[in-house]
Amino acid sequence: MGTQGIVSVMSEGKVVMKLVTGCNGMQAQRTADKLKAAWPVNPEQAYEIANDTGFGCVDCLTVVTEWAIFKGNDYPSSSLFLSTFSDPEFNPRWEQGTADHTVIINV
């Protein structure tokens, strides 16, 4: 699980978007910096920024908002993505909820 990563975007103390990946999580800080510089962005734009910075891949990168899951090809929908959305550090890819690379930004 050493390559999993999370970038959580917060506004006024509330999570507004989470990017979650199973690979290349070490690019979380780079992705967070680019997201913050480009904010506001929609889920599709966030997905492209993450792809451009090498955070995750098209198969495992998932962008989550309060209302929707915009995801890669191989990860099935999980109730954890929405039920744990408000916890910026929780990794919904698995029940333990941890990720080695987690960055939280405030916009």
N, C-alpha and C. Protein backbone atom coordinates (compact mmCIF):
# COMPACT_ATOMS: atom_id res chain seq x y z
N MET A 1 0.81 -1.20 0.00
CA MET A 1 0.00 0.00 0.00
C MET A 1 0.85 1.26 0.00
N GLY A 2 2.15 1.15 -0.17
CA GLY A 2 3.06 2.27 -0.10
C GLY A 2 2.95 3.27 -1.22
N THR A 3 2.18 2.97 -2.25
CA THR A 3 2.06 3.92 -3.35
C THR A 3 0.71 4.62 -3.37
N GLN A 4 -0.17 4.31 -2.43
CA GLN A 4 -1.48 4.95 -2.41
C GLN A 4 -1.37 6.40 -1.97
N GLY A 5 -2.24 7.25 -2.51
CA GLY A 5 -2.18 8.66 -2.17
C GLY A 5 -3.54 9.32 -2.15
N ILE A 6 -3.61 10.41 -1.38
CA ILE A 6 -4.83 11.21 -1.26
C ILE A 6 -4.44 12.68 -1.34
N VAL A 7 -5.21 13.44 -2.10
CA VAL A 7 -5.14 14.89 -2.05
C VAL A 7 -6.54 15.34 -1.71
N SER A 8 -6.69 15.98 -0.56
CA SER A 8 -7.99 16.49 -0.14
C SER A 8 -8.00 18.00 -0.26
N VAL A 9 -9.06 18.52 -0.84
CA VAL A 9 -9.23 19.96 -1.01
C VAL A 9 -10.30 20.40 -0.03
N MET A 10 -9.94 21.36 0.82
CA MET A 10 -10.87 21.85 1.83
C MET A 10 -11.14 23.34 1.62
N SER A 11 -12.36 23.72 1.97
CA SER A 11 -12.76 25.12 1.93
C SER A 11 -13.63 25.39 3.15
N GLU A 12 -13.26 26.40 3.91
CA GLU A 12 -14.00 26.77 5.12
C GLU A 12 -14.18 25.58 6.06
N GLY A 13 -13.14 24.78 6.22
CA GLY A 13 -13.15 23.66 7.14
C GLY A 13 -13.90 22.43 6.68
N LYS A 14 -14.29 22.40 5.41
CA LYS A 14 -15.08 21.29 4.87
C LYS A 14 -14.39 20.72 3.63
N VAL A 15 -14.36 19.38 3.53
CA VAL A 15 -13.81 18.75 2.33
C VAL A 15 -14.75 19.03 1.16
N VAL A 16 -14.17 19.54 0.05
CA VAL A 16 -14.98 19.80 -1.14
C VAL A 16 -14.60 18.88 -2.30
N MET A 17 -13.42 18.26 -2.21
CA MET A 17 -12.99 17.34 -3.25
C MET A 17 -11.86 16.48 -2.70
N LYS A 18 -11.86 15.20 -3.11
CA LYS A 18 -10.75 14.30 -2.76
C LYS A 18 -10.29 13.59 -4.02
N LEU A 19 -9.00 13.53 -4.19
CA LEU A 19 -8.41 12.73 -5.25
C LEU A 19 -7.72 11.56 -4.56
N VAL A 20 -8.05 10.35 -4.99
CA VAL A 20 -7.55 9.15 -4.35
C VAL A 20 -6.95 8.25 -5.42
N THR A 21 -5.76 7.70 -5.13
CA THR A 21 -5.13 6.83 -6.10
C THR A 21 -4.46 5.64 -5.44
N GLY A 22 -4.30 4.60 -6.20
CA GLY A 22 -3.64 3.40 -5.73
C GLY A 22 -2.19 3.30 -6.16
N CYS A 23 -1.76 4.19 -7.05
CA CYS A 23 -0.37 4.17 -7.50
C CYS A 23 0.15 5.59 -7.65
N ASN A 24 1.45 5.73 -7.57
CA ASN A 24 2.12 7.02 -7.74
C ASN A 24 1.64 8.09 -6.76
N GLY A 25 1.26 7.66 -5.58
CA GLY A 25 0.83 8.59 -4.55
C GLY A 25 1.91 9.57 -4.12
N MET A 26 3.15 9.23 -4.41
CA MET A 26 4.24 10.13 -4.05
C MET A 26 4.17 11.46 -4.79
N GLN A 27 3.30 11.57 -5.78
CA GLN A 27 3.10 12.83 -6.50
C GLN A 27 1.99 13.67 -5.88
N ALA A 28 1.56 13.32 -4.67
CA ALA A 28 0.45 14.04 -4.02
C ALA A 28 0.76 15.52 -3.82
N GLN A 29 1.95 15.85 -3.34
CA GLN A 29 2.26 17.26 -3.08
C GLN A 29 2.30 18.05 -4.39
N ARG A 30 2.91 17.49 -5.40
CA ARG A 30 2.98 18.16 -6.71
C ARG A 30 1.57 18.41 -7.26
N THR A 31 0.72 17.40 -7.12
CA THR A 31 -0.66 17.52 -7.59
C THR A 31 -1.41 18.57 -6.79
N ALA A 32 -1.24 18.53 -5.47
CA ALA A 32 -1.91 19.50 -4.61
C ALA A 32 -1.50 20.93 -4.95
N ASP A 33 -0.23 21.15 -5.21
CA ASP A 33 0.25 22.48 -5.57
C ASP A 33 -0.40 22.97 -6.86
N LYS A 34 -0.50 22.09 -7.85
CA LYS A 34 -1.11 22.47 -9.14
C LYS A 34 -2.62 22.69 -9.00
N LEU A 35 -3.27 21.87 -8.19
CA LEU A 35 -4.71 22.07 -7.96
C LEU A 35 -4.97 23.41 -7.30
N LYS A 36 -4.19 23.71 -6.28
CA LYS A 36 -4.38 24.97 -5.57
C LYS A 36 -4.17 26.16 -6.49
N ALA A 37 -3.16 26.09 -7.34
CA ALA A 37 -2.88 27.18 -8.28
C ALA A 37 -3.99 27.35 -9.31
N ALA A 38 -4.65 26.25 -9.68
CA ALA A 38 -5.69 26.30 -10.71
C ALA A 38 -7.10 26.49 -10.15
N TRP A 39 -7.25 26.40 -8.85
CA TRP A 39 -8.59 26.41 -8.24
C TRP A 39 -9.33 27.68 -8.57
N PRO A 40 -10.64 27.60 -8.87
CA PRO A 40 -11.54 26.45 -8.76
C PRO A 40 -11.48 25.57 -10.01
N VAL A 41 -11.63 24.27 -9.79
CA VAL A 41 -11.68 23.31 -10.89
C VAL A 41 -12.83 22.34 -10.66
N ASN A 42 -13.32 21.76 -11.75
CA ASN A 42 -14.35 20.74 -11.63
C ASN A 42 -13.66 19.37 -11.55
N PRO A 43 -14.40 18.29 -11.29
CA PRO A 43 -13.77 16.98 -11.15
C PRO A 43 -12.97 16.54 -12.38
N GLU A 44 -13.47 16.84 -13.55
CA GLU A 44 -12.76 16.46 -14.77
C GLU A 44 -11.43 17.19 -14.88
N GLN A 45 -11.43 18.47 -14.54
CA GLN A 45 -10.19 19.25 -14.59
C GLN A 45 -9.21 18.75 -13.52
N ALA A 46 -9.71 18.41 -12.35
CA ALA A 46 -8.86 17.87 -11.28
C ALA A 46 -8.23 16.55 -11.73
N TYR A 47 -9.03 15.73 -12.39
CA TYR A 47 -8.55 14.44 -12.91
C TYR A 47 -7.41 14.66 -13.91
N GLU A 48 -7.58 15.64 -14.79
CA GLU A 48 -6.54 15.94 -15.78
C GLU A 48 -5.27 16.47 -15.13
N ILE A 49 -5.42 17.33 -14.13
CA ILE A 49 -4.25 17.85 -13.42
C ILE A 49 -3.50 16.69 -12.77
N ALA A 50 -4.23 15.79 -12.13
CA ALA A 50 -3.59 14.63 -11.49
C ALA A 50 -2.88 13.77 -12.53
N ASN A 51 -3.52 13.52 -13.65
CA ASN A 51 -2.88 12.74 -14.71
C ASN A 51 -1.62 13.43 -15.21
N ASP A 52 -1.69 14.74 -15.40
CA ASP A 52 -0.54 15.50 -15.90
C ASP A 52 0.64 15.48 -14.94
N THR A 53 0.37 15.37 -13.64
CA THR A 53 1.45 15.37 -12.65
C THR A 53 1.91 13.95 -12.32
N GLY A 54 1.25 12.95 -12.88
CA GLY A 54 1.65 11.57 -12.62
C GLY A 54 1.08 10.99 -11.35
N PHE A 55 0.07 11.62 -10.78
CA PHE A 55 -0.60 11.12 -9.57
C PHE A 55 -1.62 10.08 -9.99
N GLY A 56 -1.31 8.82 -9.75
CA GLY A 56 -2.22 7.74 -10.15
C GLY A 56 -2.11 7.43 -11.62
N CYS A 57 -3.10 6.70 -12.09
CA CYS A 57 -3.18 6.33 -13.50
C CYS A 57 -4.65 6.28 -13.90
N VAL A 58 -4.90 6.12 -15.17
CA VAL A 58 -6.28 6.12 -15.65
C VAL A 58 -7.10 4.98 -15.07
N ASP A 59 -6.45 3.95 -14.59
CA ASP A 59 -7.18 2.82 -14.02
C ASP A 59 -7.51 2.97 -12.54
N CYS A 60 -6.74 3.75 -11.80
CA CYS A 60 -6.98 3.78 -10.35
C CYS A 60 -7.27 5.15 -9.77
N LEU A 61 -7.11 6.22 -10.52
CA LEU A 61 -7.36 7.55 -10.00
C LEU A 61 -8.85 7.80 -9.87
N THR A 62 -9.25 8.28 -8.70
CA THR A 62 -10.66 8.58 -8.43
C THR A 62 -10.76 9.98 -7.89
N VAL A 63 -11.70 10.78 -8.43
CA VAL A 63 -11.98 12.10 -7.91
C VAL A 63 -13.38 12.04 -7.30
N VAL A 64 -13.47 12.47 -6.05
CA VAL A 64 -14.73 12.38 -5.31
C VAL A 64 -15.16 13.78 -4.89
N THR A 65 -16.44 14.06 -5.08
CA THR A 65 -17.04 15.28 -4.53
C THR A 65 -18.16 14.84 -3.60
N GLU A 66 -18.77 15.79 -2.97
CA GLU A 66 -19.87 15.48 -2.05
C GLU A 66 -21.00 14.73 -2.75
N TRP A 67 -21.15 14.93 -4.05
CA TRP A 67 -22.28 14.37 -4.78
C TRP A 67 -21.95 13.27 -5.75
N ALA A 68 -20.68 13.13 -6.12
CA ALA A 68 -20.39 12.19 -7.21
C ALA A 68 -18.98 11.60 -7.10
N ILE A 69 -18.80 10.48 -7.79
CA ILE A 69 -17.51 9.81 -7.89
C ILE A 69 -17.12 9.78 -9.36
N PHE A 70 -15.99 10.38 -9.68
CA PHE A 70 -15.45 10.39 -11.03
C PHE A 70 -14.22 9.52 -10.96
N LYS A 71 -14.26 8.34 -11.57
CA LYS A 71 -13.21 7.37 -11.30
C LYS A 71 -12.59 6.74 -12.51
N GLY A 72 -11.49 6.05 -12.25
CA GLY A 72 -10.78 5.30 -13.27
C GLY A 72 -11.52 4.04 -13.65
N ASN A 73 -10.90 3.23 -14.46
CA ASN A 73 -11.57 2.09 -15.08
C ASN A 73 -11.69 0.85 -14.21
N ASP A 74 -10.75 0.60 -13.31
CA ASP A 74 -10.75 -0.70 -12.67
C ASP A 74 -11.18 -0.73 -11.21
N TYR A 75 -11.58 0.38 -10.64
CA TYR A 75 -11.95 0.36 -9.24
C TYR A 75 -13.46 0.46 -9.10
N PRO A 76 -14.08 -0.55 -8.51
CA PRO A 76 -15.54 -0.55 -8.40
C PRO A 76 -16.02 0.53 -7.44
N SER A 77 -17.26 0.94 -7.61
CA SER A 77 -17.85 1.90 -6.69
C SER A 77 -17.83 1.30 -5.28
N SER A 78 -17.61 2.14 -4.32
CA SER A 78 -17.57 1.70 -2.94
C SER A 78 -18.30 2.71 -2.09
N SER A 79 -19.09 2.22 -1.17
CA SER A 79 -19.79 3.14 -0.29
C SER A 79 -18.81 3.93 0.58
N LEU A 80 -17.58 3.42 0.74
CA LEU A 80 -16.58 4.15 1.52
C LEU A 80 -16.22 5.49 0.90
N PHE A 81 -16.27 5.59 -0.41
CA PHE A 81 -15.89 6.84 -1.07
C PHE A 81 -16.79 7.99 -0.62
N LEU A 82 -18.08 7.75 -0.54
CA LEU A 82 -19.00 8.82 -0.13
C LEU A 82 -19.18 8.88 1.38
N SER A 83 -19.21 7.73 2.05
CA SER A 83 -19.46 7.75 3.49
C SER A 83 -18.29 8.32 4.30
N THR A 84 -17.09 8.29 3.75
CA THR A 84 -15.92 8.84 4.45
C THR A 84 -15.42 10.13 3.81
N PHE A 85 -16.20 10.68 2.92
CA PHE A 85 -15.77 11.85 2.16
C PHE A 85 -15.34 13.01 3.07
N SER A 86 -16.03 13.23 4.15
CA SER A 86 -15.74 14.38 5.01
C SER A 86 -14.46 14.23 5.83
N ASP A 87 -13.85 13.05 5.83
CA ASP A 87 -12.58 12.85 6.53
C ASP A 87 -11.45 13.00 5.52
N PRO A 88 -10.71 14.12 5.57
CA PRO A 88 -9.71 14.39 4.53
C PRO A 88 -8.55 13.41 4.52
N GLU A 89 -8.33 12.66 5.59
CA GLU A 89 -7.20 11.74 5.65
C GLU A 89 -7.59 10.29 5.40
N PHE A 90 -8.87 10.00 5.27
CA PHE A 90 -9.30 8.61 5.11
C PHE A 90 -9.18 8.18 3.65
N ASN A 91 -8.52 7.03 3.46
CA ASN A 91 -8.37 6.44 2.13
C ASN A 91 -9.51 5.45 1.90
N PRO A 92 -10.47 5.80 1.05
CA PRO A 92 -11.63 4.92 0.84
C PRO A 92 -11.37 3.72 -0.06
N ARG A 93 -10.14 3.56 -0.50
CA ARG A 93 -9.83 2.39 -1.33
C ARG A 93 -9.83 1.11 -0.53
N TRP A 94 -9.74 1.22 0.80
CA TRP A 94 -9.78 0.03 1.64
C TRP A 94 -10.24 0.40 3.05
N GLU A 95 -10.75 -0.57 3.79
CA GLU A 95 -11.38 -0.32 5.08
C GLU A 95 -10.44 0.24 6.13
N GLN A 96 -9.15 -0.06 6.04
CA GLN A 96 -8.20 0.47 7.02
C GLN A 96 -8.07 1.99 6.90
N GLY A 97 -8.31 2.52 5.72
CA GLY A 97 -8.37 3.95 5.51
C GLY A 97 -7.05 4.70 5.50
N THR A 98 -5.94 4.00 5.38
CA THR A 98 -4.65 4.68 5.40
C THR A 98 -4.06 4.81 4.00
N ALA A 99 -3.22 5.80 3.85
CA ALA A 99 -2.46 5.99 2.61
C ALA A 99 -1.12 6.59 3.02
N ASP A 100 -0.06 6.15 2.39
CA ASP A 100 1.27 6.64 2.74
C ASP A 100 1.51 8.08 2.32
N HIS A 101 0.77 8.56 1.35
CA HIS A 101 0.99 9.91 0.83
C HIS A 101 -0.33 10.67 0.89
N THR A 102 -0.46 11.58 1.86
CA THR A 102 -1.69 12.36 2.03
C THR A 102 -1.33 13.83 2.14
N VAL A 103 -2.00 14.64 1.33
CA VAL A 103 -1.81 16.09 1.36
C VAL A 103 -3.17 16.74 1.43
N ILE A 104 -3.31 17.71 2.31
CA ILE A 104 -4.56 18.46 2.46
C ILE A 104 -4.27 19.91 2.12
N ILE A 105 -5.08 20.48 1.23
CA ILE A 105 -4.92 21.89 0.88
C ILE A 105 -6.19 22.65 1.23
N ASN A 106 -6.04 23.90 1.52
CA ASN A 106 -7.16 24.79 1.79
C ASN A 106 -7.26 25.81 0.67
N VAL A 107 -8.46 25.96 0.15
CA VAL A 107 -8.68 26.91 -0.95
C VAL A 107 -9.71 27.94 -0.54
